[in-house]
Each structure stands twice: as C-alpha cells, then as structure tokens.
C-alpha cells in the first residue's frame, strides 16, 4: 500500500511542475524508484484513485498528448491546496528546510515548485504584494526554507536585487501571486533555518538589539509560558517578582513580533528590563489608553 501511495505522490508532484506525456511520466517514476513499473492500465487506475482519494482531477490533452491537473474550479484548487498542506505537514522530518508549528496552513499552491527549487538550487521569480503596498512587486529569489508562524507559512529567501544585497527576507505564501521556476542555478547553500531564527521570536529578523529581557509574569500566565515558551532561552524564577509574580529571563532580539507578543498578554506581563523596552511598552499603553478616553 505504501508503494502505491508513493507512486501516487510522485504523479501528483510531477504534474504540478509540468504537463507530461505518459511516456515521460513513466520515465520520471522509473528514475525516482527503479522498482516502479508503470503500464498504461496501471496509470489509468492511479489517476482514477488520485481523483477519488484526493479529489485532484487529472486529464489528458488529446491534441498534445500530455496529462495535466485540472485547476478550473475553486473546489479543485482547494483539493490541490489541501494535498500540498498535507505534504508540508508531513515533510518536516524529511526535509531540514521546513520548520513546522502546530497551526493550520494557508497559501500552499506553490509549495511543490518552491521545494523543487530549494532541492535543486534553482532561482525563482515571484510576483508578491506587501501588506502596506498597493501594487504588486517582482522578485528574483534564492529560496532557502519554509517557516510557519501564527497559522501562516513563509518562504525564507535571498532577494537577488542589487539594492537588497542578497538580504534574507520572509515572504508570506498567501501573498505570492505567481512563482516561475527558472533554469538559472546557484551554488548549493548551507543555510541552517534553526540557527537563523534561534535568537528571534516569530518571523521577523530585524536588526533590533539582542539583549537580556526580564519580565514579571502573573502566576497563571506563567503556566501558559511554561507550556508554550516565548523563546528557547527562557528561564522561569518562581516567586521572585512582586506580589507573588514570577520572573522570566530570556535573551532575544526585541523585534516587532516580540513586542506584539508581550503587548498581547496585557496586564499579565510587565517588562522590567531593559529600560528602553520598558519605556516603549509604557508609551504604547499610554497611547492606547488615550484612544479609550475620548
């Protein structure tokens, strides 16, 4: 049964990259697994099962003699996205360029093409819309890895534009409009996603200071932070704060994501140090209070 599922996965994945004739599909399957022997009859059963199991329809273009995945309805796009979601969820142990968190996925349609580019060191071109911009923008990227944060998946990639100096950036998958796989190759990289993010909270890797942060945390919320730590460097000092609160120490870059996380806890977390960060939180809360006093 596992052999059949493997064969079905290979068929879906290759047809997401290219429309191919049966002969080329059979050749691809043989290259991937020498034990796979595909006949026309077996292949027809396979595409029927793919339709039944994954709701992904595969048809043949009689004119060109190539098979393709049908993408002309919302239902078929959802079926493909659901399948790609399962691939990404189940691949975190197989591939070291996928960092998985316990949230749902969004924007999965380009996952197979990007994974192919990462594994084969291909440059990709994407059309992308930033949160704060009206117009979409084109990027030439060296794709490096995937990371999930707060129910959203991001592509981690080097921007090849001259003004970006190959800066590593994060691109939310659901904001990518198109992905073009180019034939242009790059040298194999040794990007380590764990090392890249180990000093940060969240998805942003801004040039904010990397320093020790001391928090006073209400006891009930401490239980939550023990189960879901703010950061791998987190240390909990029981009962060392005022009024029975606990002290949490950690060392992290104080980025926008980290600031928002602390603010989201409201009165349950008080920033003690550094003083600059404490003042930032205080000013933010004063501004918020001002809106509610109008």
C-alpha atoms as a PDB file:
ATOM      1  CA  UNK A   1       0.000   0.000   0.000  1.00  0.00           C
ATOM      2  CA  UNK A   2       2.870   2.352   0.827  1.00  0.00           C
ATOM      3  CA  UNK A   3       4.384   1.707  -2.602  1.00  0.00           C
ATOM      4  CA  UNK A   4       1.140   2.736  -4.271  1.00  0.00           C
ATOM      5  CA  UNK A   5       0.862   5.922  -2.165  1.00  0.00           C
ATOM      6  CA  UNK A   6       4.458   6.742  -3.044  1.00  0.00           C
ATOM      7  CA  UNK A   7       3.661   6.306  -6.735  1.00  0.00           C
ATOM      8  CA  UNK A   8       0.523   8.480  -6.469  1.00  0.00           C
ATOM      9  CA  UNK A   9       2.504  11.210  -4.696  1.00  0.00           C
ATOM     10  CA  UNK A  10       5.154  11.172  -7.428  1.00  0.00           C
ATOM     11  CA  UNK A  11       2.497  11.507 -10.141  1.00  0.00           C
ATOM     12  CA  UNK A  12       0.789  14.443  -8.422  1.00  0.00           C
ATOM     13  CA  UNK A  13       4.054  16.221  -7.702  1.00  0.00           C
ATOM     14  CA  UNK A  14       5.485  15.948 -11.221  1.00  0.00           C
ATOM     15  CA  UNK A  15       2.208  17.072 -12.817  1.00  0.00           C
ATOM     16  CA  UNK A  16       2.182  20.139 -10.573  1.00  0.00           C
ATOM     17  CA  UNK A  17       5.504  21.094 -12.146  1.00  0.00           C
ATOM     18  CA  UNK A  18       4.873  20.132 -15.777  1.00  0.00           C
ATOM     19  CA  UNK A  19       2.244  18.739 -18.126  1.00  0.00           C
ATOM     20  CA  UNK A  20       3.722  15.477 -19.435  1.00  0.00           C
ATOM     21  CA  UNK A  21       3.006  12.567 -21.744  1.00  0.00           C
ATOM     22  CA  UNK A  22       2.525   9.095 -20.290  1.00  0.00           C
ATOM     23  CA  UNK A  23       5.962   8.081 -21.590  1.00  0.00           C
ATOM     24  CA  UNK A  24       7.669  10.951 -19.765  1.00  0.00           C
ATOM     25  CA  UNK A  25       5.700  10.290 -16.575  1.00  0.00           C
ATOM     26  CA  UNK A  26       6.679   6.612 -16.675  1.00  0.00           C
ATOM     27  CA  UNK A  27      10.308   7.613 -17.255  1.00  0.00           C
ATOM     28  CA  UNK A  28      10.179  10.020 -14.290  1.00  0.00           C
ATOM     29  CA  UNK A  29       8.711   7.341 -11.992  1.00  0.00           C
ATOM     30  CA  UNK A  30      11.434   4.910 -13.036  1.00  0.00           C
ATOM     31  CA  UNK A  31      14.146   7.480 -12.332  1.00  0.00           C
ATOM     32  CA  UNK A  32      12.728   8.153  -8.873  1.00  0.00           C
ATOM     33  CA  UNK A  33      12.231   4.491  -7.994  1.00  0.00           C
ATOM     34  CA  UNK A  34      13.694   1.706 -10.125  1.00  0.00           C
ATOM     35  CA  UNK A  35      11.130  -0.734  -8.690  1.00  0.00           C
ATOM     36  CA  UNK A  36       8.194   1.157 -10.197  1.00  0.00           C
ATOM     37  CA  UNK A  37       6.883  -0.420 -13.394  1.00  0.00           C
ATOM     38  CA  UNK A  38       4.064   1.627 -14.910  1.00  0.00           C
ATOM     39  CA  UNK A  39       1.761   0.473 -17.687  1.00  0.00           C
ATOM     40  CA  UNK A  40      -0.991   2.499 -19.299  1.00  0.00           C
ATOM     41  CA  UNK A  41      -3.528   0.388 -17.442  1.00  0.00           C
ATOM     42  CA  UNK A  42      -1.816   0.933 -14.079  1.00  0.00           C
ATOM     43  CA  UNK A  43      -1.515   4.650 -14.771  1.00  0.00           C
ATOM     44  CA  UNK A  44      -5.215   4.984 -15.587  1.00  0.00           C
ATOM     45  CA  UNK A  45      -6.080   3.247 -12.311  1.00  0.00           C
ATOM     46  CA  UNK A  46      -3.697   5.584 -10.498  1.00  0.00           C
ATOM     47  CA  UNK A  47      -5.219   8.806 -11.827  1.00  0.00           C
ATOM     48  CA  UNK A  48      -8.691   7.453 -11.040  1.00  0.00           C
ATOM     49  CA  UNK A  49      -7.615   6.754  -7.461  1.00  0.00           C
ATOM     50  CA  UNK A  50      -5.998  10.214  -7.179  1.00  0.00           C
ATOM     51  CA  UNK A  51      -9.370  11.704  -8.145  1.00  0.00           C
ATOM     52  CA  UNK A  52     -11.232   9.602  -5.596  1.00  0.00           C
ATOM     53  CA  UNK A  53      -8.747   9.917  -2.734  1.00  0.00           C
ATOM     54  CA  UNK A  54      -7.512  13.496  -3.108  1.00  0.00           C
ATOM     55  CA  UNK A  55     -10.263  14.996  -5.328  1.00  0.00           C
ATOM     56  CA  UNK A  56      -7.495  16.033  -7.737  1.00  0.00           C
ATOM     57  CA  UNK A  57      -8.576  15.535 -11.332  1.00  0.00           C
ATOM     58  CA  UNK A  58      -6.005  14.558 -13.939  1.00  0.00           C
ATOM     59  CA  UNK A  59      -6.952  14.665 -17.621  1.00  0.00           C
ATOM     60  CA  UNK A  60      -5.223  14.302 -20.973  1.00  0.00           C
ATOM     61  CA  UNK A  61      -4.958  16.990 -23.608  1.00  0.00           C
ATOM     62  CA  UNK A  62      -5.724  14.920 -26.705  1.00  0.00           C
ATOM     63  CA  UNK A  63      -4.149  17.467 -29.018  1.00  0.00           C
ATOM     64  CA  UNK A  64      -0.732  17.436 -27.341  1.00  0.00           C
ATOM     65  CA  UNK A  65      -0.940  14.010 -25.731  1.00  0.00           C
ATOM     66  CA  UNK A  66       0.030  15.363 -22.308  1.00  0.00           C
ATOM     67  CA  UNK A  67      -1.610  14.864 -18.922  1.00  0.00           C
ATOM     68  CA  UNK A  68      -2.424  17.817 -16.684  1.00  0.00           C
ATOM     69  CA  UNK A  69      -4.058  18.644 -13.354  1.00  0.00           C
ATOM     70  CA  UNK A  70      -7.430  20.366 -13.707  1.00  0.00           C
ATOM     71  CA  UNK A  71      -7.424  23.778 -11.983  1.00  0.00           C
ATOM     72  CA  UNK A  72     -10.567  25.419 -13.383  1.00  0.00           C
ATOM     73  CA  UNK A  73     -12.756  25.484 -10.251  1.00  0.00           C
ATOM     74  CA  UNK A  74     -12.495  26.642  -6.658  1.00  0.00           C
ATOM     75  CA  UNK A  75     -13.076  23.061  -5.484  1.00  0.00           C
ATOM     76  CA  UNK A  76     -10.135  21.680  -7.464  1.00  0.00           C
ATOM     77  CA  UNK A  77      -7.829  24.450  -6.230  1.00  0.00           C
ATOM     78  CA  UNK A  78      -8.898  23.675  -2.655  1.00  0.00           C
ATOM     79  CA  UNK A  79      -8.219  19.978  -3.216  1.00  0.00           C
ATOM     80  CA  UNK A  80      -4.715  20.733  -4.508  1.00  0.00           C
ATOM     81  CA  UNK A  81      -4.068  23.117  -1.600  1.00  0.00           C
ATOM     82  CA  UNK A  82      -5.269  20.511   0.883  1.00  0.00           C
ATOM     83  CA  UNK A  83      -2.947  17.934  -0.630  1.00  0.00           C
ATOM     84  CA  UNK A  84       0.030  20.337  -0.594  1.00  0.00           C
ATOM     85  CA  UNK A  85      -0.791  21.211   3.004  1.00  0.00           C
ATOM     86  CA  UNK A  86      -0.514  17.553   3.991  1.00  0.00           C
ATOM     87  CA  UNK A  87       2.809  17.287   2.134  1.00  0.00           C
ATOM     88  CA  UNK A  88       4.259  20.233   4.041  1.00  0.00           C
ATOM     89  CA  UNK A  89       2.887  18.972   7.356  1.00  0.00           C
ATOM     90  CA  UNK A  90       4.336  15.511   6.847  1.00  0.00           C
ATOM     91  CA  UNK A  91       7.674  16.614   5.400  1.00  0.00           C
ATOM     92  CA  UNK A  92       9.116  18.485   8.390  1.00  0.00           C
ATOM     93  CA  UNK A  93      11.127  15.414   9.460  1.00  0.00           C
ATOM     94  CA  UNK A  94      12.153  14.524   5.931  1.00  0.00           C
ATOM     95  CA  UNK A  95      13.462  17.954   4.893  1.00  0.00           C
ATOM     96  CA  UNK A  96      15.612  20.202   7.070  1.00  0.00           C
ATOM     97  CA  UNK A  97      14.394  23.321   5.243  1.00  0.00           C
ATOM     98  CA  UNK A  98      10.855  23.046   6.639  1.00  0.00           C
ATOM     99  CA  UNK A  99      10.127  24.365  10.145  1.00  0.00           C
ATOM    100  CA  UNK A 100       6.675  23.253  11.314  1.00  0.00           C
ATOM    101  CA  UNK A 101       4.498  24.682  14.071  1.00  0.00           C
ATOM    102  CA  UNK A 102       1.156  23.442  15.311  1.00  0.00           C
ATOM    103  CA  UNK A 103      -1.119  25.629  13.211  1.00  0.00           C
ATOM    104  CA  UNK A 104      -3.146  25.342  10.042  1.00  0.00           C
ATOM    105  CA  UNK A 105      -1.591  26.189   6.691  1.00  0.00           C
ATOM    106  CA  UNK A 106      -2.555  28.857   4.226  1.00  0.00           C
ATOM    107  CA  UNK A 107      -1.332  29.637   0.731  1.00  0.00           C
ATOM    108  CA  UNK A 108       0.022  26.227  -0.263  1.00  0.00           C
ATOM    109  CA  UNK A 109      -0.388  26.209  -4.038  1.00  0.00           C
ATOM    110  CA  UNK A 110       3.286  26.983  -4.809  1.00  0.00           C
ATOM    111  CA  UNK A 111       4.845  24.612  -2.273  1.00  0.00           C
ATOM    112  CA  UNK A 112       5.882  21.793  -4.675  1.00  0.00           C
ATOM    113  CA  UNK A 113       7.520  24.203  -7.118  1.00  0.00           C
ATOM    114  CA  UNK A 114       9.424  26.006  -4.345  1.00  0.00           C
ATOM    115  CA  UNK A 115      10.546  22.738  -2.715  1.00  0.00           C
ATOM    116  CA  UNK A 116      11.822  21.608  -6.110  1.00  0.00           C
ATOM    117  CA  UNK A 117      13.761  24.890  -6.438  1.00  0.00           C
ATOM    118  CA  UNK A 118      15.299  24.552  -2.964  1.00  0.00           C
ATOM    119  CA  UNK A 119      16.372  20.953  -3.528  1.00  0.00           C
ATOM    120  CA  UNK A 120      17.800  21.676  -6.977  1.00  0.00           C
ATOM    121  CA  UNK A 121      19.316  25.132  -6.271  1.00  0.00           C
ATOM    122  CA  UNK A 122      17.154  26.954  -8.805  1.00  0.00           C
ATOM    123  CA  UNK A 123      16.397  30.667  -8.753  1.00  0.00           C
ATOM    124  CA  UNK A 124      12.692  31.549  -8.781  1.00  0.00           C
ATOM    125  CA  UNK A 125      10.807  34.659  -9.846  1.00  0.00           C
ATOM    126  CA  UNK A 126       7.757  35.647  -7.807  1.00  0.00           C
ATOM    127  CA  UNK A 127       5.085  38.312  -8.007  1.00  0.00           C
ATOM    128  CA  UNK A 128       4.298  39.479  -4.476  1.00  0.00           C
ATOM    129  CA  UNK A 129       2.217  42.049  -2.606  1.00  0.00           C
ATOM    130  CA  UNK A 130       3.470  43.506   0.651  1.00  0.00           C
ATOM    131  CA  UNK A 131       0.952  44.254   3.412  1.00  0.00           C
ATOM    132  CA  UNK A 132       1.447  48.002   3.191  1.00  0.00           C
ATOM    133  CA  UNK A 133       1.804  48.394  -0.577  1.00  0.00           C
ATOM    134  CA  UNK A 134      -0.910  48.879  -3.195  1.00  0.00           C
ATOM    135  CA  UNK A 135       0.988  47.461  -6.156  1.00  0.00           C
ATOM    136  CA  UNK A 136       2.493  44.014  -6.534  1.00  0.00           C
ATOM    137  CA  UNK A 137       6.246  43.645  -6.992  1.00  0.00           C
ATOM    138  CA  UNK A 138       8.506  41.188  -8.833  1.00  0.00           C
ATOM    139  CA  UNK A 139      11.378  39.479  -7.027  1.00  0.00           C
ATOM    140  CA  UNK A 140      14.242  37.230  -8.144  1.00  0.00           C
ATOM    141  CA  UNK A 141      14.872  34.923  -5.200  1.00  0.00           C
ATOM    142  CA  UNK A 142      17.194  32.223  -3.957  1.00  0.00           C
ATOM    143  CA  UNK A 143      14.691  30.084  -1.993  1.00  0.00           C
ATOM    144  CA  UNK A 144      16.135  28.706   1.246  1.00  0.00           C
ATOM    145  CA  UNK A 145      13.468  27.342   3.564  1.00  0.00           C
ATOM    146  CA  UNK A 146       9.922  27.475   4.918  1.00  0.00           C
ATOM    147  CA  UNK A 147       8.792  28.667   8.350  1.00  0.00           C
ATOM    148  CA  UNK A 148       5.370  28.746   9.960  1.00  0.00           C
ATOM    149  CA  UNK A 149       4.280  31.492  12.364  1.00  0.00           C
ATOM    150  CA  UNK A 150       0.806  32.114  13.760  1.00  0.00           C
ATOM    151  CA  UNK A 151      -1.113  29.958  11.227  1.00  0.00           C
ATOM    152  CA  UNK A 152       0.785  31.397   8.261  1.00  0.00           C
ATOM    153  CA  UNK A 153       3.609  29.896   6.237  1.00  0.00           C
ATOM    154  CA  UNK A 154       6.512  31.966   4.955  1.00  0.00           C
ATOM    155  CA  UNK A 155       9.161  31.429   2.324  1.00  0.00           C
ATOM    156  CA  UNK A 156      12.636  32.363   3.568  1.00  0.00           C
ATOM    157  CA  UNK A 157      14.726  33.525   0.619  1.00  0.00           C
ATOM    158  CA  UNK A 158      17.578  35.749  -0.514  1.00  0.00           C
ATOM    159  CA  UNK A 159      16.465  38.752  -2.553  1.00  0.00           C
ATOM    160  CA  UNK A 160      18.792  38.989  -5.555  1.00  0.00           C
ATOM    161  CA  UNK A 161      18.072  42.615  -6.390  1.00  0.00           C
ATOM    162  CA  UNK A 162      21.205  44.766  -6.212  1.00  0.00           C
ATOM    163  CA  UNK A 163      19.718  47.189  -3.700  1.00  0.00           C
ATOM    164  CA  UNK A 164      18.864  44.316  -1.366  1.00  0.00           C
ATOM    165  CA  UNK A 165      22.429  42.936  -1.328  1.00  0.00           C
ATOM    166  CA  UNK A 166      21.012  39.390  -1.186  1.00  0.00           C
ATOM    167  CA  UNK A 167      19.317  40.134   2.094  1.00  0.00           C
ATOM    168  CA  UNK A 168      17.420  37.201   3.598  1.00  0.00           C
ATOM    169  CA  UNK A 169      13.723  38.070   3.661  1.00  0.00           C
ATOM    170  CA  UNK A 170      10.414  36.490   4.571  1.00  0.00           C
ATOM    171  CA  UNK A 171       7.579  36.164   2.043  1.00  0.00           C
ATOM    172  CA  UNK A 172       4.119  35.128   3.215  1.00  0.00           C
ATOM    173  CA  UNK A 173       2.936  32.334   0.924  1.00  0.00           C
ATOM    174  CA  UNK A 174      -0.636  33.591   0.696  1.00  0.00           C
ATOM    175  CA  UNK A 175       0.632  36.921  -0.721  1.00  0.00           C
ATOM    176  CA  UNK A 176       2.571  35.312  -3.563  1.00  0.00           C
ATOM    177  CA  UNK A 177       0.652  35.704  -6.818  1.00  0.00           C
ATOM    178  CA  UNK A 178       2.891  33.706  -9.168  1.00  0.00           C
ATOM    179  CA  UNK A 179       6.038  31.587  -8.987  1.00  0.00           C
ATOM    180  CA  UNK A 180       8.248  30.985 -12.018  1.00  0.00           C
ATOM    181  CA  UNK A 181      10.885  28.282 -11.830  1.00  0.00           C
ATOM    182  CA  UNK A 182      13.950  29.430 -13.775  1.00  0.00           C
ATOM    183  CA  UNK A 183      16.809  27.390 -15.211  1.00  0.00           C
ATOM    184  CA  UNK A 184      19.340  29.659 -13.514  1.00  0.00           C
ATOM    185  CA  UNK A 185      21.273  27.813 -10.814  1.00  0.00           C
ATOM    186  CA  UNK A 186      23.020  28.931  -7.646  1.00  0.00           C
ATOM    187  CA  UNK A 187      25.766  27.266  -5.647  1.00  0.00           C
ATOM    188  CA  UNK A 188      24.491  24.844  -3.026  1.00  0.00           C
ATOM    189  CA  UNK A 189      23.958  26.738   0.200  1.00  0.00           C
ATOM    190  CA  UNK A 190      24.368  25.618   3.802  1.00  0.00           C
ATOM    191  CA  UNK A 191      21.505  27.684   5.201  1.00  0.00           C
ATOM    192  CA  UNK A 192      20.500  26.461   8.677  1.00  0.00           C
ATOM    193  CA  UNK A 193      16.976  27.603   9.493  1.00  0.00           C
ATOM    194  CA  UNK A 194      17.279  26.708  13.176  1.00  0.00           C
ATOM    195  CA  UNK A 195      20.434  28.752  13.578  1.00  0.00           C
ATOM    196  CA  UNK A 196      18.984  31.658  11.581  1.00  0.00           C
ATOM    197  CA  UNK A 197      15.990  32.033  13.904  1.00  0.00           C
ATOM    198  CA  UNK A 198      17.412  30.881  17.237  1.00  0.00           C
ATOM    199  CA  UNK A 199      17.866  34.431  18.550  1.00  0.00           C
ATOM    200  CA  UNK A 200      14.445  35.657  17.458  1.00  0.00           C
ATOM    201  CA  UNK A 201      10.786  35.323  18.338  1.00  0.00           C
ATOM    202  CA  UNK A 202       8.474  34.940  15.369  1.00  0.00           C
ATOM    203  CA  UNK A 203       9.206  35.512  11.705  1.00  0.00           C
ATOM    204  CA  UNK A 204      10.950  38.899  11.599  1.00  0.00           C
ATOM    205  CA  UNK A 205      14.736  39.060  11.805  1.00  0.00           C
ATOM    206  CA  UNK A 206      15.193  42.815  12.064  1.00  0.00           C
ATOM    207  CA  UNK A 207      18.416  44.432  13.265  1.00  0.00           C
ATOM    208  CA  UNK A 208      16.966  45.165  16.687  1.00  0.00           C
ATOM    209  CA  UNK A 209      19.226  44.798  19.759  1.00  0.00           C
ATOM    210  CA  UNK A 210      19.970  41.277  21.021  1.00  0.00           C
ATOM    211  CA  UNK A 211      19.840  41.556  24.798  1.00  0.00           C
ATOM    212  CA  UNK A 212      18.615  40.085  28.045  1.00  0.00           C
ATOM    213  CA  UNK A 213      14.947  40.715  28.775  1.00  0.00           C
ATOM    214  CA  UNK A 214      13.482  40.424  32.283  1.00  0.00           C
ATOM    215  CA  UNK A 215       9.708  40.083  32.677  1.00  0.00           C
ATOM    216  CA  UNK A 216       7.437  39.956  35.699  1.00  0.00           C
ATOM    217  CA  UNK A 217       4.672  37.458  34.919  1.00  0.00           C
ATOM    218  CA  UNK A 218       1.383  36.738  36.693  1.00  0.00           C
ATOM    219  CA  UNK A 219       1.406  33.136  38.060  1.00  0.00           C
ATOM    220  CA  UNK A 220      -1.451  31.788  35.924  1.00  0.00           C
ATOM    221  CA  UNK A 221       0.113  33.135  32.751  1.00  0.00           C
ATOM    222  CA  UNK A 222       3.429  31.637  33.837  1.00  0.00           C
ATOM    223  CA  UNK A 223       1.827  28.201  33.482  1.00  0.00           C
ATOM    224  CA  UNK A 224       0.977  29.032  29.879  1.00  0.00           C
ATOM    225  CA  UNK A 225       4.516  30.267  29.160  1.00  0.00           C
ATOM    226  CA  UNK A 226       5.926  27.106  30.710  1.00  0.00           C
ATOM    227  CA  UNK A 227       3.882  25.064  28.223  1.00  0.00           C
ATOM    228  CA  UNK A 228       4.438  27.485  25.310  1.00  0.00           C
ATOM    229  CA  UNK A 229       7.762  29.289  25.964  1.00  0.00           C
ATOM    230  CA  UNK A 230       8.395  32.710  24.498  1.00  0.00           C
ATOM    231  CA  UNK A 231      11.867  31.593  23.438  1.00  0.00           C
ATOM    232  CA  UNK A 232      14.297  28.706  23.864  1.00  0.00           C
ATOM    233  CA  UNK A 233      16.446  30.841  26.212  1.00  0.00           C
ATOM    234  CA  UNK A 234      13.532  31.366  28.623  1.00  0.00           C
ATOM    235  CA  UNK A 235      14.234  30.823  32.351  1.00  0.00           C
ATOM    236  CA  UNK A 236      11.475  30.950  34.984  1.00  0.00           C
ATOM    237  CA  UNK A 237      12.319  32.141  38.508  1.00  0.00           C
ATOM    238  CA  UNK A 238       9.389  31.162  40.723  1.00  0.00           C
ATOM    239  CA  UNK A 239       8.045  33.742  43.190  1.00  0.00           C
ATOM    240  CA  UNK A 240      10.890  36.243  42.736  1.00  0.00           C
ATOM    241  CA  UNK A 241       8.676  39.057  41.478  1.00  0.00           C
ATOM    242  CA  UNK A 242       6.475  41.415  43.469  1.00  0.00           C
ATOM    243  CA  UNK A 243       3.056  40.305  44.786  1.00  0.00           C
ATOM    244  CA  UNK A 244       3.797  36.653  44.114  1.00  0.00           C
ATOM    245  CA  UNK A 245       4.580  37.159  40.430  1.00  0.00           C
ATOM    246  CA  UNK A 246       7.287  35.119  38.744  1.00  0.00           C
ATOM    247  CA  UNK A 247      10.339  36.417  36.927  1.00  0.00           C
ATOM    248  CA  UNK A 248      11.145  35.252  33.423  1.00  0.00           C
ATOM    249  CA  UNK A 249      14.543  35.886  31.892  1.00  0.00           C
ATOM    250  CA  UNK A 250      15.405  35.384  28.239  1.00  0.00           C
ATOM    251  CA  UNK A 251      17.839  36.655  25.630  1.00  0.00           C
ATOM    252  CA  UNK A 252      16.337  37.669  22.312  1.00  0.00           C
ATOM    253  CA  UNK A 253      16.227  40.346  19.610  1.00  0.00           C
ATOM    254  CA  UNK A 254      13.466  42.782  20.578  1.00  0.00           C
ATOM    255  CA  UNK A 255      11.681  42.808  17.221  1.00  0.00           C
ATOM    256  CA  UNK A 256       8.192  43.947  16.242  1.00  0.00           C
ATOM    257  CA  UNK A 257       6.896  40.372  16.608  1.00  0.00           C
ATOM    258  CA  UNK A 258       8.282  40.123  20.134  1.00  0.00           C
ATOM    259  CA  UNK A 259       6.847  43.496  21.153  1.00  0.00           C
ATOM    260  CA  UNK A 260       3.414  42.484  19.854  1.00  0.00           C
ATOM    261  CA  UNK A 261       3.565  39.197  21.755  1.00  0.00           C
ATOM    262  CA  UNK A 262       4.315  40.970  25.033  1.00  0.00           C
ATOM    263  CA  UNK A 263       1.549  43.517  24.431  1.00  0.00           C
ATOM    264  CA  UNK A 264      -0.937  40.740  23.654  1.00  0.00           C
ATOM    265  CA  UNK A 265      -0.556  39.432  27.216  1.00  0.00           C
ATOM    266  CA  UNK A 266      -1.860  42.732  28.636  1.00  0.00           C
ATOM    267  CA  UNK A 267      -1.523  43.163  32.398  1.00  0.00           C
ATOM    268  CA  UNK A 268      -0.230  39.603  32.807  1.00  0.00           C
ATOM    269  CA  UNK A 269       3.298  40.588  31.749  1.00  0.00           C
ATOM    270  CA  UNK A 270       5.321  43.591  32.932  1.00  0.00           C
ATOM    271  CA  UNK A 271       8.636  44.447  31.308  1.00  0.00           C
ATOM    272  CA  UNK A 272      11.294  45.092  33.965  1.00  0.00           C
ATOM    273  CA  UNK A 273      14.417  45.333  31.803  1.00  0.00           C
ATOM    274  CA  UNK A 274      15.867  46.678  29.592  1.00  0.00           C
ATOM    275  CA  UNK A 275      14.698  50.160  30.487  1.00  0.00           C
ATOM    276  CA  UNK A 276      14.369  51.199  26.834  1.00  0.00           C
ATOM    277  CA  UNK A 277      11.997  48.313  26.132  1.00  0.00           C
ATOM    278  CA  UNK A 278      10.026  49.044  29.311  1.00  0.00           C
ATOM    279  CA  UNK A 279       9.552  52.674  28.203  1.00  0.00           C
ATOM    280  CA  UNK A 280       8.431  51.559  24.746  1.00  0.00           C
ATOM    281  CA  UNK A 281       5.720  49.368  26.266  1.00  0.00           C
ATOM    282  CA  UNK A 282       4.697  52.155  28.650  1.00  0.00           C
ATOM    283  CA  UNK A 283       4.332  54.688  25.815  1.00  0.00           C
ATOM    284  CA  UNK A 284       2.365  52.199  23.725  1.00  0.00           C
ATOM    285  CA  UNK A 285      -0.086  51.606  26.561  1.00  0.00           C
ATOM    286  CA  UNK A 286      -0.452  55.352  27.230  1.00  0.00           C
ATOM    287  CA  UNK A 287      -1.356  55.881  23.567  1.00  0.00           C
ATOM    288  CA  UNK A 288      -3.872  53.017  23.710  1.00  0.00           C
ATOM    289  CA  UNK A 289      -5.448  54.438  26.873  1.00  0.00           C
ATOM    290  CA  UNK A 290      -5.745  57.815  25.151  1.00  0.00           C
ATOM    291  CA  UNK A 291      -7.959  56.314  22.449  1.00  0.00           C
ATOM    292  CA  UNK A 292     -10.312  54.845  25.043  1.00  0.00           C
ATOM    293  CA  UNK A 293     -10.607  58.094  26.985  1.00  0.00           C
ATOM    294  CA  UNK A 294     -12.062  60.006  24.015  1.00  0.00           C
END
